N, C-alpha and C. Protein backbone atom coordinates (compact mmCIF):
# COMPACT_ATOMS: atom_id res chain seq x y z
N MET A 1 -24.62 -4.78 10.93
CA MET A 1 -23.26 -4.57 11.42
C MET A 1 -22.64 -3.37 10.72
N GLN A 2 -22.04 -2.49 11.51
CA GLN A 2 -21.42 -1.29 10.95
C GLN A 2 -20.13 -1.65 10.23
N PRO A 3 -19.90 -1.10 9.03
CA PRO A 3 -18.66 -1.44 8.31
C PRO A 3 -17.43 -0.89 9.04
N PRO A 4 -16.28 -1.52 8.85
CA PRO A 4 -15.04 -1.02 9.46
C PRO A 4 -14.63 0.31 8.84
N THR A 5 -13.71 0.98 9.49
CA THR A 5 -13.20 2.25 8.96
C THR A 5 -12.25 2.00 7.80
N VAL A 6 -11.41 0.98 7.92
CA VAL A 6 -10.36 0.71 6.92
C VAL A 6 -10.35 -0.77 6.58
N SER A 7 -10.28 -1.05 5.30
CA SER A 7 -10.04 -2.42 4.82
C SER A 7 -8.58 -2.51 4.38
N VAL A 8 -7.84 -3.43 4.99
CA VAL A 8 -6.43 -3.63 4.63
C VAL A 8 -6.36 -4.82 3.68
N VAL A 9 -5.89 -4.57 2.46
CA VAL A 9 -5.78 -5.61 1.44
C VAL A 9 -4.30 -5.95 1.27
N VAL A 10 -3.97 -7.22 1.54
CA VAL A 10 -2.59 -7.68 1.43
C VAL A 10 -2.53 -8.78 0.36
N VAL A 11 -1.69 -8.58 -0.65
CA VAL A 11 -1.49 -9.59 -1.69
C VAL A 11 -0.25 -10.40 -1.33
N SER A 12 -0.38 -11.72 -1.43
CA SER A 12 0.70 -12.60 -1.01
C SER A 12 1.06 -13.59 -2.13
N PHE A 13 2.36 -13.82 -2.27
CA PHE A 13 2.84 -14.86 -3.18
C PHE A 13 4.13 -15.43 -2.62
N ASN A 14 4.04 -16.57 -1.95
CA ASN A 14 5.19 -17.26 -1.37
C ASN A 14 6.00 -16.38 -0.42
N THR A 15 5.29 -15.65 0.44
CA THR A 15 5.97 -14.79 1.43
C THR A 15 5.44 -15.11 2.84
N ARG A 16 5.30 -16.39 3.17
CA ARG A 16 4.61 -16.80 4.39
C ARG A 16 5.11 -16.07 5.63
N GLN A 17 6.41 -16.09 5.89
CA GLN A 17 6.94 -15.47 7.11
C GLN A 17 6.77 -13.96 7.08
N LEU A 18 7.04 -13.35 5.93
CA LEU A 18 6.85 -11.91 5.81
C LEU A 18 5.38 -11.55 5.99
N LEU A 19 4.49 -12.35 5.41
CA LEU A 19 3.06 -12.11 5.56
C LEU A 19 2.65 -12.19 7.01
N LEU A 20 3.16 -13.18 7.73
CA LEU A 20 2.84 -13.31 9.15
C LEU A 20 3.26 -12.06 9.91
N GLU A 21 4.47 -11.58 9.66
CA GLU A 21 4.95 -10.37 10.35
C GLU A 21 4.12 -9.16 9.96
N CYS A 22 3.70 -9.09 8.71
CA CYS A 22 2.85 -8.00 8.25
C CYS A 22 1.53 -8.01 9.01
N LEU A 23 0.89 -9.18 9.08
CA LEU A 23 -0.40 -9.28 9.76
C LEU A 23 -0.26 -9.02 11.26
N GLU A 24 0.86 -9.43 11.84
CA GLU A 24 1.09 -9.14 13.26
C GLU A 24 1.15 -7.64 13.52
N SER A 25 1.65 -6.88 12.55
CA SER A 25 1.74 -5.42 12.73
C SER A 25 0.37 -4.75 12.70
N LEU A 26 -0.66 -5.49 12.29
CA LEU A 26 -2.02 -4.97 12.28
C LEU A 26 -2.77 -5.34 13.56
N GLY A 27 -2.09 -5.97 14.50
CA GLY A 27 -2.73 -6.50 15.70
C GLY A 27 -3.03 -5.46 16.74
N PRO A 28 -3.25 -5.91 17.98
CA PRO A 28 -3.59 -4.99 19.08
C PRO A 28 -2.58 -3.85 19.17
N GLY A 29 -3.08 -2.68 19.38
CA GLY A 29 -2.23 -1.49 19.44
C GLY A 29 -2.29 -0.66 18.19
N SER A 30 -2.75 -1.25 17.09
CA SER A 30 -2.92 -0.47 15.86
C SER A 30 -4.15 0.42 16.00
N GLU A 31 -4.07 1.58 15.41
CA GLU A 31 -5.20 2.51 15.43
C GLU A 31 -5.68 2.74 14.00
N PRO A 32 -6.97 2.81 13.71
CA PRO A 32 -8.06 2.45 14.62
C PRO A 32 -8.19 0.94 14.74
N ALA A 33 -8.94 0.49 15.73
CA ALA A 33 -9.11 -0.94 15.96
C ALA A 33 -10.09 -1.56 14.98
N ASP A 34 -10.99 -0.74 14.40
CA ASP A 34 -12.04 -1.29 13.54
C ASP A 34 -11.58 -1.39 12.09
N ILE A 35 -10.68 -2.35 11.86
CA ILE A 35 -10.20 -2.62 10.50
C ILE A 35 -10.62 -4.03 10.11
N GLU A 36 -10.76 -4.24 8.81
CA GLU A 36 -10.93 -5.59 8.31
C GLU A 36 -9.71 -5.93 7.48
N ILE A 37 -9.36 -7.21 7.49
CA ILE A 37 -8.18 -7.67 6.77
C ILE A 37 -8.63 -8.60 5.64
N VAL A 38 -8.13 -8.33 4.44
CA VAL A 38 -8.39 -9.19 3.29
C VAL A 38 -7.04 -9.62 2.74
N VAL A 39 -6.78 -10.92 2.74
CA VAL A 39 -5.54 -11.46 2.19
C VAL A 39 -5.88 -12.14 0.87
N VAL A 40 -5.19 -11.75 -0.18
CA VAL A 40 -5.37 -12.38 -1.49
C VAL A 40 -4.08 -13.13 -1.80
N ASP A 41 -4.18 -14.45 -1.86
CA ASP A 41 -2.99 -15.27 -2.10
C ASP A 41 -2.99 -15.76 -3.55
N ASN A 42 -1.88 -15.50 -4.23
CA ASN A 42 -1.75 -15.86 -5.64
C ASN A 42 -1.10 -17.23 -5.82
N ALA A 43 -1.76 -18.26 -5.26
CA ALA A 43 -1.32 -19.66 -5.43
C ALA A 43 0.06 -19.91 -4.83
N SER A 44 0.27 -19.45 -3.60
CA SER A 44 1.54 -19.73 -2.92
C SER A 44 1.68 -21.22 -2.66
N SER A 45 2.93 -21.69 -2.69
CA SER A 45 3.22 -23.10 -2.39
C SER A 45 3.90 -23.25 -1.04
N ASP A 46 3.95 -22.17 -0.25
CA ASP A 46 4.68 -22.19 1.02
C ASP A 46 3.77 -22.28 2.25
N GLY A 47 2.50 -22.58 2.05
CA GLY A 47 1.59 -22.70 3.18
C GLY A 47 0.99 -21.40 3.66
N SER A 48 1.13 -20.33 2.89
CA SER A 48 0.58 -19.04 3.31
C SER A 48 -0.93 -19.10 3.56
N PRO A 49 -1.73 -19.68 2.65
CA PRO A 49 -3.18 -19.70 2.90
C PRO A 49 -3.56 -20.44 4.18
N SER A 50 -2.94 -21.61 4.43
CA SER A 50 -3.28 -22.36 5.64
C SER A 50 -2.85 -21.60 6.89
N MET A 51 -1.74 -20.86 6.83
CA MET A 51 -1.32 -20.04 7.96
C MET A 51 -2.36 -18.97 8.26
N VAL A 52 -2.88 -18.31 7.22
CA VAL A 52 -3.89 -17.28 7.42
C VAL A 52 -5.15 -17.90 8.03
N ARG A 53 -5.58 -19.04 7.50
CA ARG A 53 -6.78 -19.71 8.02
C ARG A 53 -6.62 -20.06 9.49
N GLU A 54 -5.43 -20.51 9.87
CA GLU A 54 -5.20 -20.97 11.23
C GLU A 54 -5.02 -19.82 12.22
N LEU A 55 -4.19 -18.85 11.85
CA LEU A 55 -3.83 -17.80 12.80
C LEU A 55 -4.68 -16.54 12.69
N TYR A 56 -5.31 -16.33 11.53
CA TYR A 56 -6.12 -15.12 11.32
C TYR A 56 -7.48 -15.51 10.73
N PRO A 57 -8.27 -16.29 11.50
CA PRO A 57 -9.57 -16.72 10.98
C PRO A 57 -10.53 -15.57 10.73
N GLN A 58 -10.28 -14.42 11.36
CA GLN A 58 -11.15 -13.26 11.16
C GLN A 58 -10.89 -12.57 9.82
N ALA A 59 -9.76 -12.88 9.20
CA ALA A 59 -9.42 -12.27 7.91
C ALA A 59 -10.21 -12.94 6.79
N LYS A 60 -10.55 -12.16 5.79
CA LYS A 60 -11.13 -12.72 4.57
C LYS A 60 -9.96 -13.21 3.72
N LEU A 61 -10.02 -14.46 3.29
CA LEU A 61 -8.94 -15.04 2.50
C LEU A 61 -9.47 -15.39 1.12
N ILE A 62 -8.79 -14.89 0.11
CA ILE A 62 -9.06 -15.27 -1.27
C ILE A 62 -7.85 -16.07 -1.73
N ALA A 63 -8.03 -17.35 -1.94
CA ALA A 63 -6.92 -18.22 -2.35
C ALA A 63 -7.08 -18.54 -3.83
N ASN A 64 -6.31 -17.84 -4.66
CA ASN A 64 -6.38 -18.05 -6.11
C ASN A 64 -5.69 -19.36 -6.50
N SER A 65 -6.17 -19.96 -7.59
CA SER A 65 -5.59 -21.22 -8.05
C SER A 65 -4.37 -20.99 -8.95
N GLY A 66 -4.09 -19.74 -9.29
CA GLY A 66 -2.92 -19.40 -10.09
C GLY A 66 -2.45 -18.01 -9.72
N ASN A 67 -1.25 -17.64 -10.18
CA ASN A 67 -0.72 -16.30 -9.90
C ASN A 67 -1.33 -15.34 -10.91
N LEU A 68 -2.30 -14.57 -10.46
CA LEU A 68 -3.05 -13.68 -11.34
C LEU A 68 -2.41 -12.30 -11.47
N GLY A 69 -1.37 -12.04 -10.70
CA GLY A 69 -0.71 -10.74 -10.75
C GLY A 69 -1.19 -9.82 -9.65
N PHE A 70 -0.43 -8.74 -9.45
CA PHE A 70 -0.70 -7.81 -8.36
C PHE A 70 -1.99 -7.02 -8.57
N ALA A 71 -2.17 -6.47 -9.75
CA ALA A 71 -3.35 -5.62 -9.98
C ALA A 71 -4.64 -6.41 -9.85
N VAL A 72 -4.70 -7.59 -10.45
CA VAL A 72 -5.91 -8.41 -10.35
C VAL A 72 -6.18 -8.76 -8.90
N ALA A 73 -5.14 -9.18 -8.17
CA ALA A 73 -5.32 -9.57 -6.77
C ALA A 73 -5.78 -8.39 -5.92
N CYS A 74 -5.19 -7.22 -6.14
CA CYS A 74 -5.64 -6.02 -5.40
C CYS A 74 -7.12 -5.76 -5.68
N ASN A 75 -7.51 -5.85 -6.94
CA ASN A 75 -8.91 -5.60 -7.29
C ASN A 75 -9.83 -6.63 -6.64
N GLN A 76 -9.41 -7.88 -6.58
CA GLN A 76 -10.22 -8.90 -5.90
C GLN A 76 -10.43 -8.51 -4.43
N GLY A 77 -9.36 -8.07 -3.78
CA GLY A 77 -9.45 -7.68 -2.39
C GLY A 77 -10.32 -6.45 -2.19
N ILE A 78 -10.18 -5.48 -3.07
CA ILE A 78 -10.99 -4.26 -2.98
C ILE A 78 -12.47 -4.60 -3.11
N ILE A 79 -12.80 -5.47 -4.08
CA ILE A 79 -14.19 -5.83 -4.31
C ILE A 79 -14.79 -6.55 -3.10
N ARG A 80 -13.98 -7.39 -2.43
CA ARG A 80 -14.47 -8.15 -1.28
C ARG A 80 -14.51 -7.33 0.00
N SER A 81 -13.90 -6.14 0.00
CA SER A 81 -13.84 -5.32 1.21
C SER A 81 -15.01 -4.35 1.25
N ARG A 82 -15.21 -3.68 2.40
CA ARG A 82 -16.39 -2.83 2.51
C ARG A 82 -16.17 -1.50 3.22
N ALA A 83 -14.96 -1.21 3.66
CA ALA A 83 -14.72 0.04 4.40
C ALA A 83 -14.61 1.23 3.43
N PRO A 84 -14.83 2.45 3.94
CA PRO A 84 -14.71 3.64 3.08
C PRO A 84 -13.27 3.95 2.67
N PHE A 85 -12.30 3.37 3.37
CA PHE A 85 -10.89 3.55 3.01
C PHE A 85 -10.27 2.17 2.83
N VAL A 86 -9.49 2.02 1.74
CA VAL A 86 -8.82 0.76 1.44
C VAL A 86 -7.32 0.99 1.51
N LEU A 87 -6.64 0.20 2.32
CA LEU A 87 -5.18 0.28 2.42
C LEU A 87 -4.57 -0.90 1.69
N LEU A 88 -3.88 -0.61 0.58
CA LEU A 88 -3.12 -1.64 -0.14
C LEU A 88 -1.77 -1.74 0.55
N LEU A 89 -1.48 -2.93 1.09
CA LEU A 89 -0.27 -3.10 1.90
C LEU A 89 0.51 -4.30 1.39
N ASN A 90 1.78 -4.09 1.07
CA ASN A 90 2.62 -5.20 0.63
C ASN A 90 2.85 -6.18 1.77
N SER A 91 3.00 -7.45 1.42
CA SER A 91 3.19 -8.46 2.46
C SER A 91 4.54 -8.34 3.17
N ASP A 92 5.49 -7.61 2.58
CA ASP A 92 6.78 -7.42 3.25
C ASP A 92 6.86 -6.10 4.01
N ALA A 93 5.72 -5.46 4.21
CA ALA A 93 5.68 -4.18 4.93
C ALA A 93 5.20 -4.40 6.36
N ARG A 94 5.64 -3.53 7.26
CA ARG A 94 5.18 -3.53 8.65
C ARG A 94 4.67 -2.13 8.95
N LEU A 95 3.54 -2.06 9.65
CA LEU A 95 2.97 -0.77 9.99
C LEU A 95 3.35 -0.35 11.39
N HIS A 96 3.61 0.95 11.55
CA HIS A 96 3.72 1.54 12.88
C HIS A 96 2.31 1.58 13.45
N ALA A 97 2.19 1.58 14.76
CA ALA A 97 0.87 1.53 15.40
C ALA A 97 -0.03 2.70 15.01
N THR A 98 0.55 3.83 14.62
CA THR A 98 -0.26 5.01 14.29
C THR A 98 -0.41 5.26 12.79
N THR A 99 0.14 4.39 11.94
CA THR A 99 0.12 4.63 10.50
C THR A 99 -1.29 4.76 9.96
N ILE A 100 -2.15 3.80 10.28
CA ILE A 100 -3.51 3.82 9.73
C ILE A 100 -4.25 5.07 10.18
N LYS A 101 -4.15 5.40 11.46
CA LYS A 101 -4.84 6.59 11.97
C LYS A 101 -4.33 7.85 11.28
N SER A 102 -3.02 7.95 11.07
CA SER A 102 -2.46 9.13 10.41
C SER A 102 -2.99 9.27 8.99
N LEU A 103 -3.10 8.15 8.27
CA LEU A 103 -3.62 8.20 6.91
C LEU A 103 -5.09 8.58 6.90
N VAL A 104 -5.88 8.01 7.80
CA VAL A 104 -7.30 8.37 7.88
C VAL A 104 -7.45 9.84 8.23
N ASP A 105 -6.64 10.34 9.17
CA ASP A 105 -6.69 11.77 9.54
C ASP A 105 -6.40 12.65 8.33
N CYS A 106 -5.47 12.22 7.47
CA CYS A 106 -5.16 12.97 6.26
C CYS A 106 -6.39 13.09 5.37
N PHE A 107 -7.10 12.00 5.17
CA PHE A 107 -8.32 12.02 4.35
C PHE A 107 -9.40 12.90 4.97
N GLU A 108 -9.53 12.84 6.28
CA GLU A 108 -10.57 13.62 6.94
C GLU A 108 -10.25 15.11 6.92
N SER A 109 -8.97 15.44 6.84
CA SER A 109 -8.56 16.85 6.78
C SER A 109 -8.55 17.38 5.35
N HIS A 110 -8.48 16.51 4.36
CA HIS A 110 -8.41 16.91 2.95
C HIS A 110 -9.47 16.11 2.20
N LEU A 111 -10.65 16.68 2.11
CA LEU A 111 -11.80 15.95 1.60
C LEU A 111 -11.69 15.62 0.11
N ARG A 112 -10.80 16.31 -0.62
CA ARG A 112 -10.61 15.99 -2.04
C ARG A 112 -9.47 15.01 -2.26
N CYS A 113 -8.84 14.56 -1.19
CA CYS A 113 -7.74 13.61 -1.29
C CYS A 113 -8.30 12.24 -1.68
N ALA A 114 -7.76 11.66 -2.74
CA ALA A 114 -8.21 10.35 -3.21
C ALA A 114 -7.27 9.23 -2.78
N ALA A 115 -5.97 9.55 -2.63
CA ALA A 115 -4.99 8.53 -2.25
C ALA A 115 -3.91 9.18 -1.40
N ALA A 116 -3.39 8.42 -0.45
CA ALA A 116 -2.34 8.94 0.43
C ALA A 116 -1.38 7.82 0.78
N GLY A 117 -0.12 8.18 0.87
CA GLY A 117 0.92 7.24 1.28
C GLY A 117 1.64 7.78 2.50
N CYS A 118 2.66 7.08 2.93
CA CYS A 118 3.37 7.50 4.13
C CYS A 118 4.87 7.35 3.91
N SER A 119 5.63 7.84 4.87
CA SER A 119 7.09 7.67 4.82
C SER A 119 7.43 6.20 4.98
N LEU A 120 8.48 5.77 4.30
CA LEU A 120 8.94 4.38 4.39
C LEU A 120 10.32 4.34 5.04
N VAL A 121 10.52 3.35 5.89
CA VAL A 121 11.80 3.16 6.57
C VAL A 121 12.22 1.72 6.32
N ASP A 122 13.49 1.52 5.94
CA ASP A 122 13.93 0.15 5.67
C ASP A 122 14.29 -0.57 6.98
N SER A 123 14.71 -1.82 6.87
CA SER A 123 14.98 -2.63 8.06
C SER A 123 16.15 -2.10 8.88
N SER A 124 16.98 -1.24 8.28
CA SER A 124 18.11 -0.64 9.00
C SER A 124 17.73 0.68 9.67
N GLY A 125 16.48 1.11 9.47
CA GLY A 125 16.04 2.37 10.07
C GLY A 125 16.29 3.59 9.20
N HIS A 126 16.68 3.38 7.94
CA HIS A 126 16.95 4.50 7.03
C HIS A 126 15.70 4.81 6.21
N ASP A 127 15.46 6.10 5.97
CA ASP A 127 14.37 6.49 5.09
C ASP A 127 14.63 5.98 3.69
N ARG A 128 13.58 5.52 3.04
CA ARG A 128 13.71 5.16 1.63
C ARG A 128 12.64 5.89 0.84
N PRO A 129 12.93 6.17 -0.43
CA PRO A 129 11.99 6.97 -1.22
C PRO A 129 10.62 6.31 -1.31
N SER A 130 9.59 7.14 -1.19
CA SER A 130 8.22 6.66 -1.35
C SER A 130 7.42 7.57 -2.27
N THR A 131 8.02 8.68 -2.67
CA THR A 131 7.35 9.64 -3.55
C THR A 131 8.26 9.93 -4.74
N TRP A 132 7.64 10.18 -5.90
CA TRP A 132 8.42 10.22 -7.15
C TRP A 132 7.87 11.26 -8.11
N HIS A 133 8.76 11.70 -9.02
CA HIS A 133 8.35 12.47 -10.19
C HIS A 133 7.93 11.48 -11.27
N PHE A 134 7.09 11.91 -12.20
CA PHE A 134 6.74 11.04 -13.31
C PHE A 134 8.00 10.68 -14.10
N LEU A 135 8.03 9.47 -14.61
CA LEU A 135 9.16 8.99 -15.39
C LEU A 135 9.19 9.71 -16.74
N THR A 136 10.39 10.19 -17.11
CA THR A 136 10.61 10.79 -18.43
C THR A 136 11.85 10.15 -19.03
N PRO A 137 12.04 10.26 -20.34
CA PRO A 137 13.28 9.73 -20.92
C PRO A 137 14.53 10.37 -20.31
N PHE A 138 14.41 11.65 -19.92
CA PHE A 138 15.55 12.37 -19.36
C PHE A 138 15.93 11.83 -17.99
N ASN A 139 14.96 11.77 -17.05
CA ASN A 139 15.35 11.32 -15.71
C ASN A 139 15.65 9.81 -15.68
N GLN A 140 15.06 9.06 -16.60
CA GLN A 140 15.42 7.64 -16.69
C GLN A 140 16.87 7.48 -17.15
N ALA A 141 17.29 8.29 -18.13
CA ALA A 141 18.68 8.23 -18.60
C ALA A 141 19.64 8.61 -17.48
N LEU A 142 19.27 9.64 -16.69
CA LEU A 142 20.13 10.05 -15.58
C LEU A 142 20.29 8.92 -14.56
N GLU A 143 19.20 8.21 -14.29
CA GLU A 143 19.29 7.10 -13.35
C GLU A 143 20.17 5.99 -13.91
N LEU A 144 19.99 5.66 -15.19
CA LEU A 144 20.78 4.58 -15.79
C LEU A 144 22.27 4.92 -15.83
N LEU A 145 22.58 6.22 -16.00
CA LEU A 145 23.98 6.67 -16.03
C LEU A 145 24.51 7.02 -14.64
N ASN A 146 23.66 6.85 -13.63
CA ASN A 146 24.01 7.15 -12.24
C ASN A 146 24.45 8.60 -12.05
N LEU A 147 23.76 9.52 -12.74
CA LEU A 147 24.11 10.94 -12.67
C LEU A 147 23.08 11.75 -11.88
N LYS A 148 22.06 11.11 -11.35
CA LYS A 148 20.97 11.86 -10.72
C LYS A 148 21.43 12.67 -9.52
N SER A 149 22.46 12.21 -8.81
CA SER A 149 22.88 12.89 -7.59
C SER A 149 23.59 14.22 -7.86
N VAL A 150 24.05 14.45 -9.08
CA VAL A 150 24.79 15.68 -9.36
C VAL A 150 23.89 16.78 -9.93
N LEU A 151 22.61 16.48 -10.13
CA LEU A 151 21.70 17.44 -10.73
C LEU A 151 20.65 17.90 -9.73
N PRO A 152 20.03 19.07 -9.97
CA PRO A 152 19.00 19.56 -9.07
C PRO A 152 17.86 18.56 -8.92
N ARG A 153 17.19 18.63 -7.77
CA ARG A 153 16.12 17.67 -7.44
C ARG A 153 15.03 17.63 -8.50
N ARG A 154 14.72 18.77 -9.12
CA ARG A 154 13.59 18.78 -10.06
C ARG A 154 13.85 17.92 -11.29
N PHE A 155 15.12 17.57 -11.54
CA PHE A 155 15.44 16.74 -12.70
C PHE A 155 15.53 15.26 -12.33
N ARG A 156 15.40 14.93 -11.06
CA ARG A 156 15.52 13.54 -10.64
C ARG A 156 14.17 12.85 -10.69
N ARG A 157 14.20 11.54 -10.80
CA ARG A 157 12.95 10.77 -10.75
C ARG A 157 12.45 10.67 -9.31
N SER A 158 13.35 10.42 -8.36
CA SER A 158 12.92 10.35 -6.96
C SER A 158 12.66 11.75 -6.44
N TYR A 159 11.72 11.84 -5.53
CA TYR A 159 11.31 13.13 -4.97
C TYR A 159 11.27 12.98 -3.46
N ARG A 160 12.06 13.79 -2.76
CA ARG A 160 12.03 13.74 -1.30
C ARG A 160 10.88 14.60 -0.82
N SER A 161 9.91 13.96 -0.20
CA SER A 161 8.72 14.67 0.27
C SER A 161 9.09 15.74 1.28
N ARG A 162 8.41 16.88 1.18
CA ARG A 162 8.63 17.99 2.11
C ARG A 162 7.28 18.39 2.71
N PRO A 163 6.81 17.63 3.70
CA PRO A 163 5.50 17.93 4.30
C PRO A 163 5.46 19.31 4.93
N GLY A 164 4.32 19.98 4.75
CA GLY A 164 4.11 21.27 5.37
C GLY A 164 3.71 21.12 6.83
N PRO A 165 3.24 22.22 7.45
CA PRO A 165 2.89 22.19 8.87
C PRO A 165 1.91 21.08 9.27
N PRO A 166 0.89 20.75 8.45
CA PRO A 166 0.02 19.65 8.89
C PRO A 166 0.60 18.27 8.59
N GLY A 167 1.85 18.21 8.13
CA GLY A 167 2.47 16.92 7.86
C GLY A 167 2.10 16.32 6.52
N VAL A 168 1.66 17.16 5.57
CA VAL A 168 1.19 16.66 4.27
C VAL A 168 1.94 17.38 3.15
N ASP A 169 2.29 16.62 2.11
CA ASP A 169 2.91 17.20 0.91
C ASP A 169 2.07 16.75 -0.29
N CYS A 170 1.41 17.71 -0.93
CA CYS A 170 0.55 17.38 -2.08
C CYS A 170 1.23 17.66 -3.42
N ALA A 171 2.52 18.03 -3.41
CA ALA A 171 3.21 18.42 -4.63
C ALA A 171 4.01 17.28 -5.22
N ILE A 172 3.46 16.08 -5.21
CA ILE A 172 4.18 14.92 -5.75
C ILE A 172 3.42 14.37 -6.95
N ASP A 173 4.12 13.66 -7.81
CA ASP A 173 3.47 13.08 -8.99
C ASP A 173 2.84 11.72 -8.69
N TRP A 174 3.58 10.85 -7.98
CA TRP A 174 3.00 9.55 -7.64
C TRP A 174 3.64 8.99 -6.38
N ILE A 175 2.88 8.09 -5.73
CA ILE A 175 3.26 7.52 -4.44
C ILE A 175 3.50 6.03 -4.63
N GLU A 176 4.54 5.52 -4.01
CA GLU A 176 4.77 4.08 -4.04
C GLU A 176 3.60 3.36 -3.38
N ALA A 177 3.20 2.22 -3.94
CA ALA A 177 1.99 1.54 -3.48
C ALA A 177 2.25 0.44 -2.46
N SER A 178 3.43 0.40 -1.85
CA SER A 178 3.66 -0.63 -0.84
C SER A 178 2.82 -0.39 0.41
N CYS A 179 2.41 0.85 0.61
CA CYS A 179 1.49 1.21 1.68
C CYS A 179 0.70 2.41 1.17
N LEU A 180 -0.41 2.13 0.52
CA LEU A 180 -1.17 3.18 -0.17
C LEU A 180 -2.64 3.09 0.23
N MET A 181 -3.15 4.16 0.83
CA MET A 181 -4.56 4.19 1.20
C MET A 181 -5.34 4.95 0.14
N ILE A 182 -6.51 4.40 -0.22
CA ILE A 182 -7.34 4.97 -1.28
C ILE A 182 -8.76 5.17 -0.74
N ARG A 183 -9.34 6.31 -1.08
CA ARG A 183 -10.73 6.56 -0.71
C ARG A 183 -11.63 5.74 -1.64
N ARG A 184 -12.53 4.95 -1.07
CA ARG A 184 -13.37 4.08 -1.89
C ARG A 184 -14.22 4.87 -2.88
N SER A 185 -14.71 6.02 -2.48
CA SER A 185 -15.54 6.80 -3.40
C SER A 185 -14.75 7.23 -4.63
N ALA A 186 -13.44 7.42 -4.48
CA ALA A 186 -12.60 7.75 -5.64
C ALA A 186 -12.47 6.53 -6.55
N LEU A 187 -12.31 5.35 -5.96
CA LEU A 187 -12.27 4.12 -6.77
C LEU A 187 -13.59 3.92 -7.50
N ASP A 188 -14.70 4.22 -6.83
CA ASP A 188 -16.01 4.09 -7.47
C ASP A 188 -16.11 5.02 -8.67
N GLU A 189 -15.44 6.16 -8.56
CA GLU A 189 -15.53 7.16 -9.63
C GLU A 189 -14.61 6.84 -10.81
N VAL A 190 -13.37 6.44 -10.52
CA VAL A 190 -12.39 6.27 -11.61
C VAL A 190 -12.14 4.82 -11.99
N GLY A 191 -12.56 3.89 -11.17
CA GLY A 191 -12.35 2.49 -11.47
C GLY A 191 -11.20 1.88 -10.69
N LEU A 192 -11.06 0.57 -10.81
CA LEU A 192 -10.05 -0.18 -10.07
C LEU A 192 -8.70 -0.13 -10.79
N LEU A 193 -7.74 -0.89 -10.28
CA LEU A 193 -6.40 -0.93 -10.88
C LEU A 193 -6.48 -1.51 -12.29
N ASP A 194 -5.59 -1.05 -13.14
CA ASP A 194 -5.53 -1.51 -14.52
C ASP A 194 -4.91 -2.91 -14.54
N GLU A 195 -5.73 -3.91 -14.87
CA GLU A 195 -5.28 -5.29 -14.79
C GLU A 195 -4.37 -5.71 -15.93
N ARG A 196 -4.10 -4.80 -16.87
CA ARG A 196 -3.11 -5.10 -17.91
C ARG A 196 -1.70 -5.11 -17.35
N PHE A 197 -1.52 -4.50 -16.16
CA PHE A 197 -0.21 -4.50 -15.51
C PHE A 197 -0.16 -5.67 -14.55
N PHE A 198 0.63 -6.70 -14.88
CA PHE A 198 0.76 -7.86 -13.99
C PHE A 198 1.37 -7.44 -12.66
N MET A 199 2.40 -6.59 -12.75
CA MET A 199 3.08 -6.08 -11.55
C MET A 199 3.73 -4.76 -11.92
N TYR A 200 3.72 -3.82 -10.99
CA TYR A 200 4.31 -2.50 -11.21
C TYR A 200 3.70 -1.81 -12.42
């Protein structure tokens, strides 16, 4: 059997309804169609695992007996998946029908690209930050004092992406991982997520 193009790894902890809506966004109409879904549940008490078993029997389900944290759960999902691209997707996220295809196209156009994210829109339809400058004592202090809006962008922690003609911006320090696609060969080279970080 030929492996799928993308493995979608969703970590869940007591987010049954949000998880259901997330998985529904991966349904018919999503591109490409050849995706595999891996749900890693961190001992939810809200019936999330049984919902996945009942409504998404095609998904691989890892039901942990305790809350092992985000990094460990992501790594469990990555290890159980087999596609050349892994999409780490938060259970409270919803994908547009073309999101996966756009991310795969980015990798195919930029062969040295190891990770890619996308624009995020909140439930009200407003853009929310998804790209950032590295944290420094200076920009952290500005955020805590609520002074970031009065200073030039280069001094802020948040970074508004400015994609060029092909729709890509490579001049960012880090991407939010609520919807983050990673090339498996890059993971093979540098290793999995650092499990010392329980979350964030």
